Amino acid sequence: MTTKPGEVYRVDLGAGGKVRMMLVVSREDCDSPRALSLCVPVTSSCCESQYEAELPPPGHFLG
């Protein structure tokens, strides 16, 4: 599977997690040495952590 930055996928995080929407944040690289993509979970809960980023309302980026 080839992913592109900004795409959103439904991912099953297994027994310790749940099904969650994940946003691809890794860059696009045609000559990548590995088939890896970096994704972050999309959630509506906020912990006000320095590791969180606020996104605009869904209609603006999930189009």
PDB file of N, CA and C in Angstrom:
ATOM      1  N   MET A   1       0.842  -1.170   0.000  1.00  0.00           N
ATOM      2  CA  MET A   1       0.000   0.000   0.000  1.00  0.00           C
ATOM      3  C   MET A   1       0.896   1.245   0.000  1.00  0.00           C
ATOM      4  N   THR A   2       0.611   2.163  -0.856  1.00  0.00           N
ATOM      5  CA  THR A   2       1.348   3.420  -0.923  1.00  0.00           C
ATOM      6  C   THR A   2       0.497   4.523  -0.308  1.00  0.00           C
ATOM      7  N   THR A   3       1.080   5.236   0.643  1.00  0.00           N
ATOM      8  CA  THR A   3       0.357   6.328   1.286  1.00  0.00           C
ATOM      9  C   THR A   3       0.958   7.666   0.881  1.00  0.00           C
ATOM     10  N   LYS A   4       0.163   8.721   1.040  1.00  0.00           N
ATOM     11  CA  LYS A   4       0.622  10.074   0.737  1.00  0.00           C
ATOM     12  C   LYS A   4       0.367  10.967   1.946  1.00  0.00           C
ATOM     13  N   PRO A   5       1.228  11.956   2.178  1.00  0.00           N
ATOM     14  CA  PRO A   5       1.022  12.867   3.297  1.00  0.00           C
ATOM     15  C   PRO A   5      -0.361  13.517   3.240  1.00  0.00           C
ATOM     16  N   GLY A   6      -1.027  13.567   4.387  1.00  0.00           N
ATOM     17  CA  GLY A   6      -2.344  14.181   4.469  1.00  0.00           C
ATOM     18  C   GLY A   6      -3.497  13.205   4.311  1.00  0.00           C
ATOM     19  N   GLU A   7      -3.230  11.989   3.869  1.00  0.00           N
ATOM     20  CA  GLU A   7      -4.299  11.001   3.745  1.00  0.00           C
ATOM     21  C   GLU A   7      -4.703  10.511   5.133  1.00  0.00           C
ATOM     22  N   VAL A   8      -5.964  10.127   5.272  1.00  0.00           N
ATOM     23  CA  VAL A   8      -6.496   9.636   6.539  1.00  0.00           C
ATOM     24  C   VAL A   8      -6.985   8.211   6.332  1.00  0.00           C
ATOM     25  N   TYR A   9      -6.598   7.318   7.247  1.00  0.00           N
ATOM     26  CA  TYR A   9      -6.980   5.909   7.167  1.00  0.00           C
ATOM     27  C   TYR A   9      -7.597   5.473   8.485  1.00  0.00           C
ATOM     28  N   ARG A  10      -8.482   4.497   8.395  1.00  0.00           N
ATOM     29  CA  ARG A  10      -9.045   3.845   9.572  1.00  0.00           C
ATOM     30  C   ARG A  10      -8.114   2.694   9.912  1.00  0.00           C
ATOM     31  N   VAL A  11      -7.553   2.699  11.128  1.00  0.00           N
ATOM     32  CA  VAL A  11      -6.552   1.704  11.518  1.00  0.00           C
ATOM     33  C   VAL A  11      -6.990   0.998  12.794  1.00  0.00           C
ATOM     34  N   ASP A  12      -6.901  -0.334  12.788  1.00  0.00           N
ATOM     35  CA  ASP A  12      -7.189  -1.126  13.984  1.00  0.00           C
ATOM     36  C   ASP A  12      -5.895  -1.231  14.774  1.00  0.00           C
ATOM     37  N   LEU A  13      -5.857  -0.641  15.960  1.00  0.00           N
ATOM     38  CA  LEU A  13      -4.635  -0.623  16.766  1.00  0.00           C
ATOM     39  C   LEU A  13      -4.469  -1.878  17.618  1.00  0.00           C
ATOM     40  N   GLY A  14      -5.278  -2.876  17.388  1.00  0.00           N
ATOM     41  CA  GLY A  14      -5.102  -4.166  18.047  1.00  0.00           C
ATOM     42  C   GLY A  14      -5.735  -4.266  19.420  1.00  0.00           C
ATOM     43  N   ALA A  15      -5.320  -5.304  20.163  1.00  0.00           N
ATOM     44  CA  ALA A  15      -5.931  -5.618  21.460  1.00  0.00           C
ATOM     45  C   ALA A  15      -5.786  -4.491  22.468  1.00  0.00           C
ATOM     46  N   GLY A  16      -4.683  -3.768  22.458  1.00  0.00           N
ATOM     47  CA  GLY A  16      -4.460  -2.697  23.426  1.00  0.00           C
ATOM     48  C   GLY A  16      -5.081  -1.377  23.018  1.00  0.00           C
ATOM     49  N   GLY A  17      -5.625  -1.295  21.834  1.00  0.00           N
ATOM     50  CA  GLY A  17      -6.181  -0.039  21.340  1.00  0.00           C
ATOM     51  C   GLY A  17      -7.583  -0.229  20.808  1.00  0.00           C
ATOM     52  N   LYS A  18      -7.915   0.533  19.805  1.00  0.00           N
ATOM     53  CA  LYS A  18      -9.220   0.420  19.163  1.00  0.00           C
ATOM     54  C   LYS A  18      -9.079   0.904  17.729  1.00  0.00           C
ATOM     55  N   VAL A  19     -10.143   0.850  16.976  1.00  0.00           N
ATOM     56  CA  VAL A  19     -10.114   1.363  15.610  1.00  0.00           C
ATOM     57  C   VAL A  19     -10.123   2.885  15.695  1.00  0.00           C
ATOM     58  N   ARG A  20      -9.183   3.517  15.023  1.00  0.00           N
ATOM     59  CA  ARG A  20      -9.025   4.968  15.122  1.00  0.00           C
ATOM     60  C   ARG A  20      -8.628   5.532  13.761  1.00  0.00           C
ATOM     61  N   MET A  21      -9.024   6.766  13.498  1.00  0.00           N
ATOM     62  CA  MET A  21      -8.599   7.454  12.288  1.00  0.00           C
ATOM     63  C   MET A  21      -7.153   7.900  12.487  1.00  0.00           C
ATOM     64  N   MET A  22      -6.315   7.674  11.463  1.00  0.00           N
ATOM     65  CA  MET A  22      -4.898   8.042  11.543  1.00  0.00           C
ATOM     66  C   MET A  22      -4.553   8.919  10.345  1.00  0.00           C
ATOM     67  N   LEU A  23      -3.803   9.984  10.592  1.00  0.00           N
ATOM     68  CA  LEU A  23      -3.376  10.938   9.574  1.00  0.00           C
ATOM     69  C   LEU A  23      -1.930  10.657   9.202  1.00  0.00           C
ATOM     70  N   VAL A  24      -1.638  10.495   7.909  1.00  0.00           N
ATOM     71  CA  VAL A  24      -0.275  10.257   7.439  1.00  0.00           C
ATOM     72  C   VAL A  24       0.493  11.566   7.479  1.00  0.00           C
ATOM     73  N   VAL A  25       1.615  11.577   8.228  1.00  0.00           N
ATOM     74  CA  VAL A  25       2.424  12.787   8.345  1.00  0.00           C
ATOM     75  C   VAL A  25       3.824  12.620   7.755  1.00  0.00           C
ATOM     76  N   SER A  26       4.187  11.413   7.331  1.00  0.00           N
ATOM     77  CA  SER A  26       5.512  11.228   6.737  1.00  0.00           C
ATOM     78  C   SER A  26       5.550  11.843   5.341  1.00  0.00           C
ATOM     79  N   ARG A  27       6.736  12.193   4.908  1.00  0.00           N
ATOM     80  CA  ARG A  27       6.879  12.828   3.595  1.00  0.00           C
ATOM     81  C   ARG A  27       6.828  11.786   2.484  1.00  0.00           C
ATOM     82  N   GLU A  28       6.531  12.225   1.307  1.00  0.00           N
ATOM     83  CA  GLU A  28       6.482  11.352   0.144  1.00  0.00           C
ATOM     84  C   GLU A  28       7.901  11.194  -0.406  1.00  0.00           C
ATOM     85  N   ASP A  29       8.327   9.949  -0.625  1.00  0.00           N
ATOM     86  CA  ASP A  29       9.680   9.678  -1.100  1.00  0.00           C
ATOM     87  C   ASP A  29       9.641   8.489  -2.062  1.00  0.00           C
ATOM     88  N   CYS A  30       9.850   8.764  -3.334  1.00  0.00           N
ATOM     89  CA  CYS A  30       9.801   7.708  -4.352  1.00  0.00           C
ATOM     90  C   CYS A  30      10.950   6.718  -4.212  1.00  0.00           C
ATOM     91  N   ASP A  31      12.085   7.147  -3.654  1.00  0.00           N
ATOM     92  CA  ASP A  31      13.256   6.284  -3.491  1.00  0.00           C
ATOM     93  C   ASP A  31      13.488   5.894  -2.037  1.00  0.00           C
ATOM     94  N   SER A  32      12.440   5.719  -1.284  1.00  0.00           N
ATOM     95  CA  SER A  32      12.551   5.394   0.132  1.00  0.00           C
ATOM     96  C   SER A  32      13.254   4.050   0.325  1.00  0.00           C
ATOM     97  N   PRO A  33      14.209   3.962   1.274  1.00  0.00           N
ATOM     98  CA  PRO A  33      14.896   2.700   1.515  1.00  0.00           C
ATOM     99  C   PRO A  33      14.017   1.678   2.230  1.00  0.00           C
ATOM    100  N   ARG A  34      12.912   2.140   2.825  1.00  0.00           N
ATOM    101  CA  ARG A  34      11.985   1.246   3.532  1.00  0.00           C
ATOM    102  C   ARG A  34      10.549   1.621   3.187  1.00  0.00           C
ATOM    103  N   ALA A  35       9.661   0.654   3.285  1.00  0.00           N
ATOM    104  CA  ALA A  35       8.235   0.892   3.026  1.00  0.00           C
ATOM    105  C   ALA A  35       7.548   1.211   4.349  1.00  0.00           C
ATOM    106  N   LEU A  36       7.823   2.412   4.887  1.00  0.00           N
ATOM    107  CA  LEU A  36       7.250   2.821   6.165  1.00  0.00           C
ATOM    108  C   LEU A  36       6.506   4.140   6.015  1.00  0.00           C
ATOM    109  N   SER A  37       5.447   4.304   6.790  1.00  0.00           N
ATOM    110  CA  SER A  37       4.715   5.564   6.842  1.00  0.00           C
ATOM    111  C   SER A  37       4.525   5.938   8.297  1.00  0.00           C
ATOM    112  N   LEU A  38       4.680   7.209   8.601  1.00  0.00           N
ATOM    113  CA  LEU A  38       4.463   7.701   9.949  1.00  0.00           C
ATOM    114  C   LEU A  38       3.065   8.292  10.015  1.00  0.00           C
ATOM    115  N   CYS A  39       2.274   7.813  10.983  1.00  0.00           N
ATOM    116  CA  CYS A  39       0.887   8.265  11.139  1.00  0.00           C
ATOM    117  C   CYS A  39       0.652   8.700  12.569  1.00  0.00           C
ATOM    118  N   VAL A  40      -0.280   9.615  12.746  1.00  0.00           N
ATOM    119  CA  VAL A  40      -0.672  10.058  14.083  1.00  0.00           C
ATOM    120  C   VAL A  40      -2.182   9.902  14.226  1.00  0.00           C
ATOM    121  N   PRO A  41      -2.649   9.580  15.446  1.00  0.00           N
ATOM    122  CA  PRO A  41      -4.090   9.412  15.645  1.00  0.00           C
ATOM    123  C   PRO A  41      -4.817  10.750  15.614  1.00  0.00           C
ATOM    124  N   VAL A  42      -6.036  10.722  15.078  1.00  0.00           N
ATOM    125  CA  VAL A  42      -6.917  11.883  15.076  1.00  0.00           C
ATOM    126  C   VAL A  42      -7.943  11.638  16.173  1.00  0.00           C
ATOM    127  N   THR A  43      -8.048  12.571  17.100  1.00  0.00           N
ATOM    128  CA  THR A  43      -8.964  12.408  18.220  1.00  0.00           C
ATOM    129  C   THR A  43      -9.649  13.727  18.536  1.00  0.00           C
ATOM    130  N   SER A  44     -10.796  13.651  19.167  1.00  0.00           N
ATOM    131  CA  SER A  44     -11.509  14.873  19.548  1.00  0.00           C
ATOM    132  C   SER A  44     -11.188  15.274  20.982  1.00  0.00           C
ATOM    133  N   SER A  45     -10.531  14.369  21.735  1.00  0.00           N
ATOM    134  CA  SER A  45     -10.184  14.721  23.114  1.00  0.00           C
ATOM    135  C   SER A  45      -8.841  15.444  23.145  1.00  0.00           C
ATOM    136  N   CYS A  46      -8.722  16.381  24.042  1.00  0.00           N
ATOM    137  CA  CYS A  46      -7.514  17.198  24.137  1.00  0.00           C
ATOM    138  C   CYS A  46      -6.943  17.095  25.542  1.00  0.00           C
ATOM    139  N   CYS A  47      -5.659  16.811  25.649  1.00  0.00           N
ATOM    140  CA  CYS A  47      -4.977  16.739  26.944  1.00  0.00           C
ATOM    141  C   CYS A  47      -4.095  17.960  27.176  1.00  0.00           C
ATOM    142  N   GLU A  48      -4.094  18.895  26.211  1.00  0.00           N
ATOM    143  CA  GLU A  48      -3.266  20.091  26.258  1.00  0.00           C
ATOM    144  C   GLU A  48      -1.793  19.750  26.478  1.00  0.00           C
ATOM    145  N   SER A  49      -1.329  18.757  25.771  1.00  0.00           N
ATOM    146  CA  SER A  49       0.060  18.318  25.833  1.00  0.00           C
ATOM    147  C   SER A  49       0.878  19.037  24.763  1.00  0.00           C
ATOM    148  N   GLN A  50       2.169  19.167  24.989  1.00  0.00           N
ATOM    149  CA  GLN A  50       3.043  19.788  23.996  1.00  0.00           C
ATOM    150  C   GLN A  50       3.203  18.911  22.751  1.00  0.00           C
ATOM    151  N   TYR A  51       2.723  17.673  22.804  1.00  0.00           N
ATOM    152  CA  TYR A  51       2.839  16.750  21.680  1.00  0.00           C
ATOM    153  C   TYR A  51       1.584  16.708  20.816  1.00  0.00           C
ATOM    154  N   GLU A  52       0.604  17.537  21.095  1.00  0.00           N
ATOM    155  CA  GLU A  52      -0.638  17.573  20.330  1.00  0.00           C
ATOM    156  C   GLU A  52      -0.648  18.769  19.388  1.00  0.00           C
ATOM    157  N   ALA A  53      -1.361  18.613  18.298  1.00  0.00           N
ATOM    158  CA  ALA A  53      -1.542  19.713  17.345  1.00  0.00           C
ATOM    159  C   ALA A  53      -3.027  19.848  17.060  1.00  0.00           C
ATOM    160  N   GLU A  54      -3.517  21.067  17.076  1.00  0.00           N
ATOM    161  CA  GLU A  54      -4.935  21.300  16.802  1.00  0.00           C
ATOM    162  C   GLU A  54      -5.146  21.385  15.295  1.00  0.00           C
ATOM    163  N   LEU A  55      -6.165  20.689  14.820  1.00  0.00           N
ATOM    164  CA  LEU A  55      -6.502  20.692  13.399  1.00  0.00           C
ATOM    165  C   LEU A  55      -7.753  21.520  13.183  1.00  0.00           C
ATOM    166  N   PRO A  56      -7.943  22.053  11.976  1.00  0.00           N
ATOM    167  CA  PRO A  56      -9.182  22.774  11.678  1.00  0.00           C
ATOM    168  C   PRO A  56     -10.366  21.802  11.668  1.00  0.00           C
ATOM    169  N   PRO A  57     -11.604  22.311  11.666  1.00  0.00           N
ATOM    170  CA  PRO A  57     -12.782  21.440  11.614  1.00  0.00           C
ATOM    171  C   PRO A  57     -12.682  20.459  10.438  1.00  0.00           C
ATOM    172  N   PRO A  58     -13.266  19.236  10.575  1.00  0.00           N
ATOM    173  CA  PRO A  58     -13.140  18.177   9.571  1.00  0.00           C
ATOM    174  C   PRO A  58     -13.434  18.586   8.134  1.00  0.00           C
ATOM    175  N   GLY A  59     -14.402  19.439   7.897  1.00  0.00           N
ATOM    176  CA  GLY A  59     -14.740  19.823   6.537  1.00  0.00           C
ATOM    177  C   GLY A  59     -13.602  20.529   5.802  1.00  0.00           C
ATOM    178  N   HIS A  60     -12.649  21.067   6.528  1.00  0.00           N
ATOM    179  CA  HIS A  60     -11.563  21.817   5.930  1.00  0.00           C
ATOM    180  C   HIS A  60     -10.409  20.954   5.457  1.00  0.00           C
ATOM    181  N   PHE A  61     -10.153  19.796   6.080  1.00  0.00           N
ATOM    182  CA  PHE A  61      -9.010  18.987   5.669  1.00  0.00           C
ATOM    183  C   PHE A  61      -9.345  17.558   5.278  1.00  0.00           C
ATOM    184  N   LEU A  62     -10.531  17.070   5.605  1.00  0.00           N
ATOM    185  CA  LEU A  62     -10.900  15.717   5.203  1.00  0.00           C
ATOM    186  C   LEU A  62     -11.664  15.705   3.890  1.00  0.00           C
ATOM    187  N   GLY A  63     -12.133  16.881   3.482  1.00  0.00           N
ATOM    188  CA  GLY A  63     -12.844  17.138   2.243  1.00  0.00           C
ATOM    189  C   GLY A  63     -13.441  15.990   1.622  1.00  0.00           C
TER     190      GLY A  63
END
